[in-house]
Amino acid sequence: MSINPEQFAAANKAAVDSLLSVANTALASAERIATLNLETARSVLEDSASSAKALMGAKDPQEAISIQASLAQPSVDKAVAYSKSVYEISTETQEQLAKMVEAQFGDFQKNVASMLEKAAKSAPAGSDVAVAAVQSAIAAANSAFDNMRKTAKQVTDMAQSNVAAATSATTKAVKKSAK
């Protein structure tokens, strides 16, 4: 069985398109993170200047302590929001990349099944055992990939729950300490 030039060119084009998709997804994610970082840096600078002005305007130490305590909650809220944004961007990117991998794996499975079918039709008599062994190996690989995908989904869901719980606990702790 041989591969004709059209099949080879199509396979190369598909590989290049796949790599471009991955690169574009990674660059879009990096751009979103960079934008978030710049916006956060700008906000932190503005908040720091505003906080410094408020503290300098305090008439006595008690008022300074009160002003400083009132500034803690918004800072924690912004830090939590920043962390959530980074996590969301990372999660969305991971999901997009996982979908690409699944699509590529699905195409690969179809191509291998097609090639195996063609090979089985043109195989010499008595090669049924070898074809069955290859089909069994493919089925095992498919099962392993499916299990890996399910496990990754469970880990992602657990991480999302943990981030939500940590965010809630942090916010509650800061509110409690501010009181």
C-alpha atoms as a PDB file:
ATOM      1  CA  MET A   1       0.000   0.000   0.000  1.00  0.00           C
ATOM      2  CA  SER A   2       1.445   3.374  -0.964  1.00  0.00           C
ATOM      3  CA  ILE A   3       0.506   6.963  -0.326  1.00  0.00           C
ATOM      4  CA  ASN A   4      -0.060   9.072  -3.403  1.00  0.00           C
ATOM      5  CA  PRO A   5       1.276  12.648  -3.628  1.00  0.00           C
ATOM      6  CA  GLU A   6      -2.190  14.173  -3.108  1.00  0.00           C
ATOM      7  CA  GLN A   7      -2.646  12.287   0.183  1.00  0.00           C
ATOM      8  CA  PHE A   8       0.821  13.357   1.315  1.00  0.00           C
ATOM      9  CA  ALA A   9       0.136  17.018   0.438  1.00  0.00           C
ATOM     10  CA  ALA A  10      -3.249  16.895   2.202  1.00  0.00           C
ATOM     11  CA  ALA A  11      -1.673  15.396   5.316  1.00  0.00           C
ATOM     12  CA  ASN A  12       1.025  18.096   5.353  1.00  0.00           C
ATOM     13  CA  LYS A  13      -1.562  20.853   4.896  1.00  0.00           C
ATOM     14  CA  ALA A  14      -3.664  19.433   7.734  1.00  0.00           C
ATOM     15  CA  ALA A  15      -0.601  19.310  10.012  1.00  0.00           C
ATOM     16  CA  VAL A  16       0.327  22.926   9.205  1.00  0.00           C
ATOM     17  CA  ASP A  17      -3.277  24.078   9.718  1.00  0.00           C
ATOM     18  CA  SER A  18      -3.359  22.280  13.057  1.00  0.00           C
ATOM     19  CA  LEU A  19      -0.110  23.879  14.201  1.00  0.00           C
ATOM     20  CA  LEU A  20      -1.356  27.312  13.146  1.00  0.00           C
ATOM     21  CA  SER A  21      -4.561  26.809  15.129  1.00  0.00           C
ATOM     22  CA  VAL A  22      -2.600  25.864  18.234  1.00  0.00           C
ATOM     23  CA  ALA A  23      -0.224  28.809  17.791  1.00  0.00           C
ATOM     24  CA  ASN A  24      -3.088  31.265  17.257  1.00  0.00           C
ATOM     25  CA  THR A  25      -4.897  29.971  20.334  1.00  0.00           C
ATOM     26  CA  ALA A  26      -1.740  30.291  22.445  1.00  0.00           C
ATOM     27  CA  LEU A  27      -1.048  33.806  21.143  1.00  0.00           C
ATOM     28  CA  ALA A  28      -4.635  34.922  21.765  1.00  0.00           C
ATOM     29  CA  SER A  29      -4.358  33.637  25.326  1.00  0.00           C
ATOM     30  CA  ALA A  30      -1.027  35.407  25.857  1.00  0.00           C
ATOM     31  CA  GLU A  31      -2.532  38.612  24.480  1.00  0.00           C
ATOM     32  CA  ARG A  32      -5.475  38.373  26.896  1.00  0.00           C
ATOM     33  CA  ILE A  33      -3.118  37.776  29.846  1.00  0.00           C
ATOM     34  CA  ALA A  34      -0.887  40.693  28.801  1.00  0.00           C
ATOM     35  CA  THR A  35      -3.902  43.012  28.491  1.00  0.00           C
ATOM     36  CA  LEU A  36      -5.165  41.890  31.901  1.00  0.00           C
ATOM     37  CA  ASN A  37      -1.710  42.478  33.418  1.00  0.00           C
ATOM     38  CA  LEU A  38      -1.457  45.994  31.952  1.00  0.00           C
ATOM     39  CA  GLU A  39      -4.948  46.914  33.125  1.00  0.00           C
ATOM     40  CA  THR A  40      -4.197  45.509  36.572  1.00  0.00           C
ATOM     41  CA  ALA A  41      -0.899  47.389  36.810  1.00  0.00           C
ATOM     42  CA  ARG A  42      -2.634  50.628  35.818  1.00  0.00           C
ATOM     43  CA  SER A  43      -5.377  50.040  38.395  1.00  0.00           C
ATOM     44  CA  VAL A  44      -2.876  49.206  41.154  1.00  0.00           C
ATOM     45  CA  LEU A  45      -0.913  52.380  40.406  1.00  0.00           C
ATOM     46  CA  GLU A  46      -4.053  54.531  40.501  1.00  0.00           C
ATOM     47  CA  ASP A  47      -5.284  52.839  43.693  1.00  0.00           C
ATOM     48  CA  SER A  48      -1.895  53.272  45.365  1.00  0.00           C
ATOM     49  CA  ALA A  49      -1.831  56.980  44.565  1.00  0.00           C
ATOM     50  CA  SER A  50      -5.385  57.413  45.805  1.00  0.00           C
ATOM     51  CA  SER A  51      -4.642  55.453  48.979  1.00  0.00           C
ATOM     52  CA  ALA A  52      -1.505  57.476  49.674  1.00  0.00           C
ATOM     53  CA  LYS A  53      -3.451  60.725  49.265  1.00  0.00           C
ATOM     54  CA  ALA A  54      -6.175  59.474  51.601  1.00  0.00           C
ATOM     55  CA  LEU A  55      -3.654  58.418  54.237  1.00  0.00           C
ATOM     56  CA  MET A  56      -1.782  61.718  54.001  1.00  0.00           C
ATOM     57  CA  GLY A  57      -5.056  63.534  54.595  1.00  0.00           C
ATOM     58  CA  ALA A  58      -5.622  61.762  57.914  1.00  0.00           C
ATOM     59  CA  LYS A  59      -5.749  64.110  60.863  1.00  0.00           C
ATOM     60  CA  ASP A  60      -4.659  61.606  63.502  1.00  0.00           C
ATOM     61  CA  PRO A  61      -3.319  58.030  63.806  1.00  0.00           C
ATOM     62  CA  GLN A  62      -6.780  56.634  64.550  1.00  0.00           C
ATOM     63  CA  GLU A  63      -8.160  58.052  61.295  1.00  0.00           C
ATOM     64  CA  ALA A  64      -5.129  56.692  59.406  1.00  0.00           C
ATOM     65  CA  ILE A  65      -5.785  53.200  60.803  1.00  0.00           C
ATOM     66  CA  SER A  66      -9.448  53.498  59.862  1.00  0.00           C
ATOM     67  CA  ILE A  67      -8.588  54.592  56.308  1.00  0.00           C
ATOM     68  CA  GLN A  68      -6.053  51.798  55.953  1.00  0.00           C
ATOM     69  CA  ALA A  69      -8.594  49.201  57.157  1.00  0.00           C
ATOM     70  CA  SER A  70     -11.180  50.475  54.661  1.00  0.00           C
ATOM     71  CA  LEU A  71      -8.670  50.066  51.826  1.00  0.00           C
ATOM     72  CA  ALA A  72      -7.927  46.390  52.565  1.00  0.00           C
ATOM     73  CA  GLN A  73     -11.211  44.911  51.303  1.00  0.00           C
ATOM     74  CA  PRO A  74     -11.168  46.532  47.852  1.00  0.00           C
ATOM     75  CA  SER A  75      -7.548  45.429  47.388  1.00  0.00           C
ATOM     76  CA  VAL A  76      -8.363  41.836  48.254  1.00  0.00           C
ATOM     77  CA  ASP A  77     -11.442  41.915  46.010  1.00  0.00           C
ATOM     78  CA  LYS A  78      -9.309  43.142  43.105  1.00  0.00           C
ATOM     79  CA  ALA A  79      -6.636  40.508  43.753  1.00  0.00           C
ATOM     80  CA  VAL A  80      -9.288  37.790  43.820  1.00  0.00           C
ATOM     81  CA  ALA A  81     -10.862  39.154  40.613  1.00  0.00           C
ATOM     82  CA  TYR A  82      -7.447  39.191  38.934  1.00  0.00           C
ATOM     83  CA  SER A  83      -6.763  35.587  39.973  1.00  0.00           C
ATOM     84  CA  LYS A  84     -10.170  34.503  38.716  1.00  0.00           C
ATOM     85  CA  SER A  85      -9.576  36.241  35.388  1.00  0.00           C
ATOM     86  CA  VAL A  86      -6.212  34.533  34.912  1.00  0.00           C
ATOM     87  CA  TYR A  87      -7.768  31.199  35.826  1.00  0.00           C
ATOM     88  CA  GLU A  88     -10.676  31.734  33.390  1.00  0.00           C
ATOM     89  CA  ILE A  89      -8.339  32.640  30.544  1.00  0.00           C
ATOM     90  CA  SER A  90      -6.184  29.590  31.270  1.00  0.00           C
ATOM     91  CA  THR A  91      -9.217  27.309  31.495  1.00  0.00           C
ATOM     92  CA  GLU A  92     -10.703  28.604  28.245  1.00  0.00           C
ATOM     93  CA  THR A  93      -7.383  28.120  26.478  1.00  0.00           C
ATOM     94  CA  GLN A  94      -7.043  24.603  27.862  1.00  0.00           C
ATOM     95  CA  GLU A  95     -10.574  23.765  26.696  1.00  0.00           C
ATOM     96  CA  GLN A  96      -9.900  25.115  23.198  1.00  0.00           C
ATOM     97  CA  LEU A  97      -6.666  23.141  22.936  1.00  0.00           C
ATOM     98  CA  ALA A  98      -8.380  19.991  24.238  1.00  0.00           C
ATOM     99  CA  LYS A  99     -11.065  20.345  21.551  1.00  0.00           C
ATOM    100  CA  MET A 100      -8.370  20.677  18.902  1.00  0.00           C
ATOM    101  CA  VAL A 101      -6.600  17.564  20.173  1.00  0.00           C
ATOM    102  CA  GLU A 102      -9.868  15.630  20.247  1.00  0.00           C
ATOM    103  CA  ALA A 103     -10.678  16.676  16.690  1.00  0.00           C
ATOM    104  CA  GLN A 104      -7.193  15.707  15.509  1.00  0.00           C
ATOM    105  CA  PHE A 105      -7.429  12.384  17.312  1.00  0.00           C
ATOM    106  CA  GLY A 106     -10.856  11.753  15.769  1.00  0.00           C
ATOM    107  CA  ASP A 107      -9.471  12.426  12.293  1.00  0.00           C
ATOM    108  CA  PHE A 108      -6.485  10.209  13.038  1.00  0.00           C
ATOM    109  CA  GLN A 109      -8.803   7.399  14.177  1.00  0.00           C
ATOM    110  CA  LYS A 110     -10.842   7.639  10.964  1.00  0.00           C
ATOM    111  CA  ASN A 111      -7.722   7.631   8.800  1.00  0.00           C
ATOM    112  CA  VAL A 112      -6.208   4.648  10.597  1.00  0.00           C
ATOM    113  CA  ALA A 113      -9.492   2.732  10.424  1.00  0.00           C
ATOM    114  CA  SER A 114      -9.745   3.480   6.704  1.00  0.00           C
ATOM    115  CA  MET A 115      -6.152   2.435   6.059  1.00  0.00           C
ATOM    116  CA  LEU A 116      -6.621  -0.712   8.134  1.00  0.00           C
ATOM    117  CA  GLU A 117      -9.760  -1.594   6.201  1.00  0.00           C
ATOM    118  CA  LYS A 118      -7.939  -1.127   2.884  1.00  0.00           C
ATOM    119  CA  ALA A 119      -4.985  -3.147   4.144  1.00  0.00           C
ATOM    120  CA  ALA A 120      -7.285  -5.944   5.347  1.00  0.00           C
ATOM    121  CA  LYS A 121      -8.954  -6.161   1.923  1.00  0.00           C
ATOM    122  CA  SER A 122      -5.655  -6.388   0.101  1.00  0.00           C
ATOM    123  CA  ALA A 123      -3.860  -8.516   2.700  1.00  0.00           C
ATOM    124  CA  PRO A 124      -2.872 -12.062   1.850  1.00  0.00           C
ATOM    125  CA  ALA A 125      -4.906 -14.942   3.205  1.00  0.00           C
ATOM    126  CA  GLY A 126      -4.098 -15.849   6.789  1.00  0.00           C
ATOM    127  CA  SER A 127      -3.319 -12.310   7.911  1.00  0.00           C
ATOM    128  CA  ASP A 128      -6.596 -12.034   9.815  1.00  0.00           C
ATOM    129  CA  VAL A 129      -4.767 -12.476  13.119  1.00  0.00           C
ATOM    130  CA  ALA A 130      -2.436  -9.544  12.432  1.00  0.00           C
ATOM    131  CA  VAL A 131      -5.327  -7.302  11.358  1.00  0.00           C
ATOM    132  CA  ALA A 132      -7.290  -8.272  14.475  1.00  0.00           C
ATOM    133  CA  ALA A 133      -4.254  -7.486  16.661  1.00  0.00           C
ATOM    134  CA  VAL A 134      -3.911  -4.027  15.105  1.00  0.00           C
ATOM    135  CA  GLN A 135      -7.646  -3.388  15.521  1.00  0.00           C
ATOM    136  CA  SER A 136      -7.386  -4.446  19.152  1.00  0.00           C
ATOM    137  CA  ALA A 137      -4.445  -2.093  19.714  1.00  0.00           C
ATOM    138  CA  ILE A 138      -6.402   0.766  18.136  1.00  0.00           C
ATOM    139  CA  ALA A 139      -9.414   0.008  20.342  1.00  0.00           C
ATOM    140  CA  ALA A 140      -7.134   0.030  23.413  1.00  0.00           C
ATOM    141  CA  ALA A 141      -5.625   3.371  22.357  1.00  0.00           C
ATOM    142  CA  ASN A 142      -9.101   4.822  21.833  1.00  0.00           C
ATOM    143  CA  SER A 143     -10.173   3.626  25.255  1.00  0.00           C
ATOM    144  CA  ALA A 144      -7.038   5.064  26.876  1.00  0.00           C
ATOM    145  CA  PHE A 145      -7.582   8.411  25.152  1.00  0.00           C
ATOM    146  CA  ASP A 146     -11.222   8.492  26.275  1.00  0.00           C
ATOM    147  CA  ASN A 147     -10.210   7.686  29.870  1.00  0.00           C
ATOM    148  CA  MET A 148      -7.524  10.372  29.756  1.00  0.00           C
ATOM    149  CA  ARG A 149     -10.050  12.918  28.463  1.00  0.00           C
ATOM    150  CA  LYS A 150     -12.552  12.014  31.215  1.00  0.00           C
ATOM    151  CA  THR A 151      -9.843  12.265  33.882  1.00  0.00           C
ATOM    152  CA  ALA A 152      -8.722  15.663  32.580  1.00  0.00           C
ATOM    153  CA  LYS A 153     -12.339  16.860  32.723  1.00  0.00           C
ATOM    154  CA  GLN A 154     -12.664  15.655  36.324  1.00  0.00           C
ATOM    155  CA  VAL A 155      -9.422  17.406  37.299  1.00  0.00           C
ATOM    156  CA  THR A 156     -10.591  20.620  35.628  1.00  0.00           C
ATOM    157  CA  ASP A 157     -13.951  20.461  37.413  1.00  0.00           C
ATOM    158  CA  MET A 158     -12.246  19.820  40.745  1.00  0.00           C
ATOM    159  CA  ALA A 159      -9.833  22.712  40.185  1.00  0.00           C
ATOM    160  CA  GLN A 160     -12.731  25.036  39.381  1.00  0.00           C
ATOM    161  CA  SER A 161     -14.478  24.001  42.606  1.00  0.00           C
ATOM    162  CA  ASN A 162     -11.286  24.549  44.603  1.00  0.00           C
ATOM    163  CA  VAL A 163     -10.715  27.997  43.085  1.00  0.00           C
ATOM    164  CA  ALA A 164     -14.308  28.993  43.870  1.00  0.00           C
ATOM    165  CA  ALA A 165     -13.975  27.732  47.445  1.00  0.00           C
ATOM    166  CA  ALA A 166     -10.622  29.469  47.977  1.00  0.00           C
ATOM    167  CA  THR A 167     -11.972  32.715  46.548  1.00  0.00           C
ATOM    168  CA  SER A 168     -14.999  32.596  48.809  1.00  0.00           C
ATOM    169  CA  ALA A 169     -12.913  31.742  51.886  1.00  0.00           C
ATOM    170  CA  THR A 170     -10.424  34.538  51.189  1.00  0.00           C
ATOM    171  CA  THR A 171     -13.142  37.114  50.726  1.00  0.00           C
ATOM    172  CA  LYS A 172     -14.944  36.023  53.893  1.00  0.00           C
ATOM    173  CA  ALA A 173     -11.703  36.045  55.929  1.00  0.00           C
ATOM    174  CA  VAL A 174     -10.812  39.556  54.824  1.00  0.00           C
ATOM    175  CA  LYS A 175     -14.324  40.828  55.535  1.00  0.00           C
ATOM    176  CA  LYS A 176     -14.205  39.234  58.982  1.00  0.00           C
ATOM    177  CA  SER A 177     -10.782  40.716  59.796  1.00  0.00           C
ATOM    178  CA  ALA A 178     -11.843  44.165  58.542  1.00  0.00           C
ATOM    179  CA  LYS A 179     -14.692  44.172  61.046  1.00  0.00           C
END
